[in-house]
C-alpha atoms as a PDB file:
ATOM      1  CA  MET A   1       0.000   0.000   0.000  1.00  0.00           C
ATOM      2  CA  ASN A   2       1.340   3.470  -0.799  1.00  0.00           C
ATOM      3  CA  LYS A   3       1.973   6.029   1.919  1.00  0.00           C
ATOM      4  CA  GLU A   4      -0.702   8.436   0.719  1.00  0.00           C
ATOM      5  CA  LEU A   5      -3.372   5.768   1.080  1.00  0.00           C
ATOM      6  CA  GLU A   6      -1.928   4.735   4.453  1.00  0.00           C
ATOM      7  CA  LEU A   7      -2.095   8.362   5.599  1.00  0.00           C
ATOM      8  CA  LEU A   8      -5.710   8.666   4.453  1.00  0.00           C
ATOM      9  CA  GLU A   9      -6.717   5.472   6.223  1.00  0.00           C
ATOM     10  CA  TYR A  10      -4.927   6.614   9.376  1.00  0.00           C
ATOM     11  CA  LEU A  11      -6.733   9.967   9.353  1.00  0.00           C
ATOM     12  CA  MET A  12     -10.098   8.295   8.711  1.00  0.00           C
ATOM     13  CA  ASP A  13      -9.505   5.770  11.471  1.00  0.00           C
ATOM     14  CA  LYS A  14      -8.049   7.965  14.216  1.00  0.00           C
ATOM     15  CA  HIS A  15      -8.530  11.644  13.347  1.00  0.00           C
ATOM     16  CA  ILE A  16     -12.151  12.518  12.632  1.00  0.00           C
ATOM     17  CA  GLY A  17     -13.173  15.867  14.063  1.00  0.00           C
ATOM     18  CA  LYS A  18     -11.264  18.979  15.071  1.00  0.00           C
ATOM     19  CA  ASP A  19     -10.684  17.642  18.571  1.00  0.00           C
ATOM     20  CA  LYS A  20      -8.649  14.788  17.027  1.00  0.00           C
ATOM     21  CA  ALA A  21      -6.301  16.962  14.947  1.00  0.00           C
ATOM     22  CA  ILE A  22      -2.787  15.601  14.492  1.00  0.00           C
ATOM     23  CA  HIS A  23       0.186  17.866  13.907  1.00  0.00           C
ATOM     24  CA  SER A  24       2.054  17.469  10.619  1.00  0.00           C
ATOM     25  CA  LYS A  25       5.303  16.715  12.480  1.00  0.00           C
ATOM     26  CA  LYS A  26       3.696  13.603  13.965  1.00  0.00           C
ATOM     27  CA  LEU A  27       2.519  12.548  10.499  1.00  0.00           C
ATOM     28  CA  GLU A  28       6.010  13.134   9.094  1.00  0.00           C
ATOM     29  CA  LYS A  29       7.517  10.929  11.765  1.00  0.00           C
ATOM     30  CA  ARG A  30       4.856   8.206  11.623  1.00  0.00           C
ATOM     31  CA  PHE A  31       5.003   7.841   7.830  1.00  0.00           C
ATOM     32  CA  ASN A  32       8.673   8.794   7.393  1.00  0.00           C
ATOM     33  CA  ILE A  33       7.896  11.599   4.950  1.00  0.00           C
ATOM     34  CA  CYS A  34       8.984  15.222   4.671  1.00  0.00           C
ATOM     35  CA  PRO A  35       6.745  18.264   5.355  1.00  0.00           C
ATOM     36  CA  ARG A  36       6.312  18.966   1.652  1.00  0.00           C
ATOM     37  CA  THR A  37       5.083  15.404   1.075  1.00  0.00           C
ATOM     38  CA  VAL A  38       2.536  15.703   3.890  1.00  0.00           C
ATOM     39  CA  ARG A  39       1.185  18.890   2.281  1.00  0.00           C
ATOM     40  CA  LYS A  40       1.137  17.262  -1.171  1.00  0.00           C
ATOM     41  CA  TYR A  41      -0.781  14.223   0.094  1.00  0.00           C
ATOM     42  CA  ILE A  42      -3.266  16.436   1.950  1.00  0.00           C
ATOM     43  CA  ASN A  43      -3.774  18.619  -1.136  1.00  0.00           C
ATOM     44  CA  ASP A  44      -4.258  15.532  -3.318  1.00  0.00           C
ATOM     45  CA  MET A  45      -6.889  14.240  -0.893  1.00  0.00           C
ATOM     46  CA  ARG A  46      -8.692  17.576  -0.900  1.00  0.00           C
ATOM     47  CA  LYS A  47      -8.651  17.689  -4.709  1.00  0.00           C
ATOM     48  CA  ALA A  48     -10.246  14.241  -4.663  1.00  0.00           C
ATOM     49  CA  GLY A  49     -13.068  15.604  -2.480  1.00  0.00           C
ATOM     50  CA  ILE A  50     -11.931  14.164   0.852  1.00  0.00           C
ATOM     51  CA  PRO A  51     -12.758  16.705   3.574  1.00  0.00           C
ATOM     52  CA  VAL A  52      -9.325  17.039   5.179  1.00  0.00           C
ATOM     53  CA  CYS A  53      -9.350  20.048   7.488  1.00  0.00           C
ATOM     54  CA  SER A  54      -6.462  21.885   9.082  1.00  0.00           C
ATOM     55  CA  ASN A  55      -5.516  24.602  11.506  1.00  0.00           C
ATOM     56  CA  GLU A  56      -2.484  25.421  13.644  1.00  0.00           C
ATOM     57  CA  LYS A  57      -3.036  22.198  15.633  1.00  0.00           C
ATOM     58  CA  GLY A  58      -2.889  19.878  12.638  1.00  0.00           C
ATOM     59  CA  TYR A  59      -4.963  17.869  10.192  1.00  0.00           C
ATOM     60  CA  TRP A  60      -8.182  15.893  10.587  1.00  0.00           C
ATOM     61  CA  ILE A  61     -11.120  14.577   8.607  1.00  0.00           C
ATOM     62  CA  ALA A  62     -14.150  16.876   8.947  1.00  0.00           C
ATOM     63  CA  LYS A  63     -16.820  15.636  11.305  1.00  0.00           C
ATOM     64  CA  THR A  64     -19.279  18.356  10.250  1.00  0.00           C
ATOM     65  CA  PRO A  65     -19.816  20.580   7.213  1.00  0.00           C
ATOM     66  CA  GLU A  66     -18.956  23.563   9.451  1.00  0.00           C
ATOM     67  CA  GLU A  67     -15.472  22.177  10.107  1.00  0.00           C
ATOM     68  CA  ALA A  68     -14.893  21.792   6.389  1.00  0.00           C
ATOM     69  CA  GLN A  69     -16.207  25.303   5.717  1.00  0.00           C
ATOM     70  CA  LYS A  70     -13.823  26.828   8.270  1.00  0.00           C
ATOM     71  CA  THR A  71     -10.900  25.221   6.443  1.00  0.00           C
ATOM     72  CA  VAL A  72     -12.258  26.510   3.134  1.00  0.00           C
ATOM     73  CA  LYS A  73     -12.261  30.042   4.565  1.00  0.00           C
ATOM     74  CA  ARG A  74      -8.736  29.534   5.906  1.00  0.00           C
ATOM     75  CA  LEU A  75      -7.559  28.360   2.479  1.00  0.00           C
ATOM     76  CA  ASP A  76      -9.235  31.392   0.874  1.00  0.00           C
ATOM     77  CA  THR A  77      -6.866  33.559   2.918  1.00  0.00           C
ATOM     78  CA  PHE A  78      -3.882  31.663   1.529  1.00  0.00           C
ATOM     79  CA  VAL A  79      -5.207  32.000  -2.009  1.00  0.00           C
ATOM     80  CA  GLY A  80      -5.418  35.772  -1.567  1.00  0.00           C
ATOM     81  CA  GLU A  81      -1.884  35.917  -0.176  1.00  0.00           C
ATOM     82  CA  VAL A  82      -0.475  33.774  -2.985  1.00  0.00           C
ATOM     83  CA  ASN A  83      -2.305  35.881  -5.580  1.00  0.00           C
ATOM     84  CA  SER A  84      -0.853  39.082  -4.084  1.00  0.00           C
ATOM     85  CA  ALA A  85       2.633  37.575  -4.143  1.00  0.00           C
ATOM     86  CA  ARG A  86       2.127  36.475  -7.758  1.00  0.00           C
ATOM     87  CA  THR A  87       0.997  39.957  -8.762  1.00  0.00           C
ATOM     88  CA  GLY A  88       4.002  41.534  -7.034  1.00  0.00           C
ATOM     89  CA  LEU A  89       6.364  39.169  -8.811  1.00  0.00           C
ATOM     90  CA  ALA A  90       4.733  39.868 -12.188  1.00  0.00           C
ATOM     91  CA  VAL A  91       5.115  43.633 -11.635  1.00  0.00           C
ATOM     92  CA  ALA A  92       8.759  43.144 -10.627  1.00  0.00           C
ATOM     93  CA  ALA A  93       9.414  41.137 -13.800  1.00  0.00           C
ATOM     94  CA  ILE A  94       7.918  43.913 -15.945  1.00  0.00           C
ATOM     95  CA  GLN A  95       9.947  46.536 -14.112  1.00  0.00           C
ATOM     96  CA  MET A  96      13.118  44.481 -14.503  1.00  0.00           C
ATOM     97  CA  GLN A  97      12.470  44.112 -18.210  1.00  0.00           C
ATOM     98  CA  SER A  98      12.070  47.881 -18.580  1.00  0.00           C
ATOM     99  CA  VAL A  99      15.279  48.585 -16.662  1.00  0.00           C
ATOM    100  CA  THR A 100      17.184  45.980 -18.656  1.00  0.00           C
ATOM    101  CA  THR A 101      15.939  47.471 -21.931  1.00  0.00           C
ATOM    102  CA  ILE A 102      16.967  50.975 -20.864  1.00  0.00           C
ATOM    103  CA  LYS A 103      20.417  49.755 -19.803  1.00  0.00           C
ATOM    104  CA  GLU A 104      20.880  47.893 -23.085  1.00  0.00           C
ATOM    105  CA  GLU A 105      19.828  50.972 -25.057  1.00  0.00           C
ATOM    106  CA  HIS A 106      22.198  53.152 -23.007  1.00  0.00           C
ATOM    107  CA  ILE A 107      25.088  50.791 -23.674  1.00  0.00           C
ATOM    108  CA  GLN A 108      24.338  50.781 -27.386  1.00  0.00           C
ATOM    109  CA  ILE A 109      24.251  54.564 -27.475  1.00  0.00           C
ATOM    110  CA  THR A 110      27.512  54.799 -25.521  1.00  0.00           C
ATOM    111  CA  LEU A 111      29.206  52.381 -27.896  1.00  0.00           C
ATOM    112  CA  LYS A 112      28.098  54.367 -30.958  1.00  0.00           C
ATOM    113  CA  VAL A 113      29.315  57.670 -29.499  1.00  0.00           C
ATOM    114  CA  GLY A 114      32.607  56.349 -28.111  1.00  0.00           C
END
């Protein structure tokens, strides 16, 4: 059995409801996986429609629709932050391109004059 399926079965067996949250560090240790892999597995489960919730205390399978909705709202915050970071990076890339073009034009002009 693969580790992602083992993780899912473990969550469904032992961690249903917010009061049964398990910290990612414990999952890392139990399944001998890195933090990035825990996040990837959790994201894959969510994409598949499995109601894996999270907060600062850890991960769990939703016991109620309200638990799932709270995680949705929490993820919305991350989406907004990632979108802002993406926009900032896009603006920086445009600005860098403009500066590079100006520098290249300046060098060309200097070479023609000199």
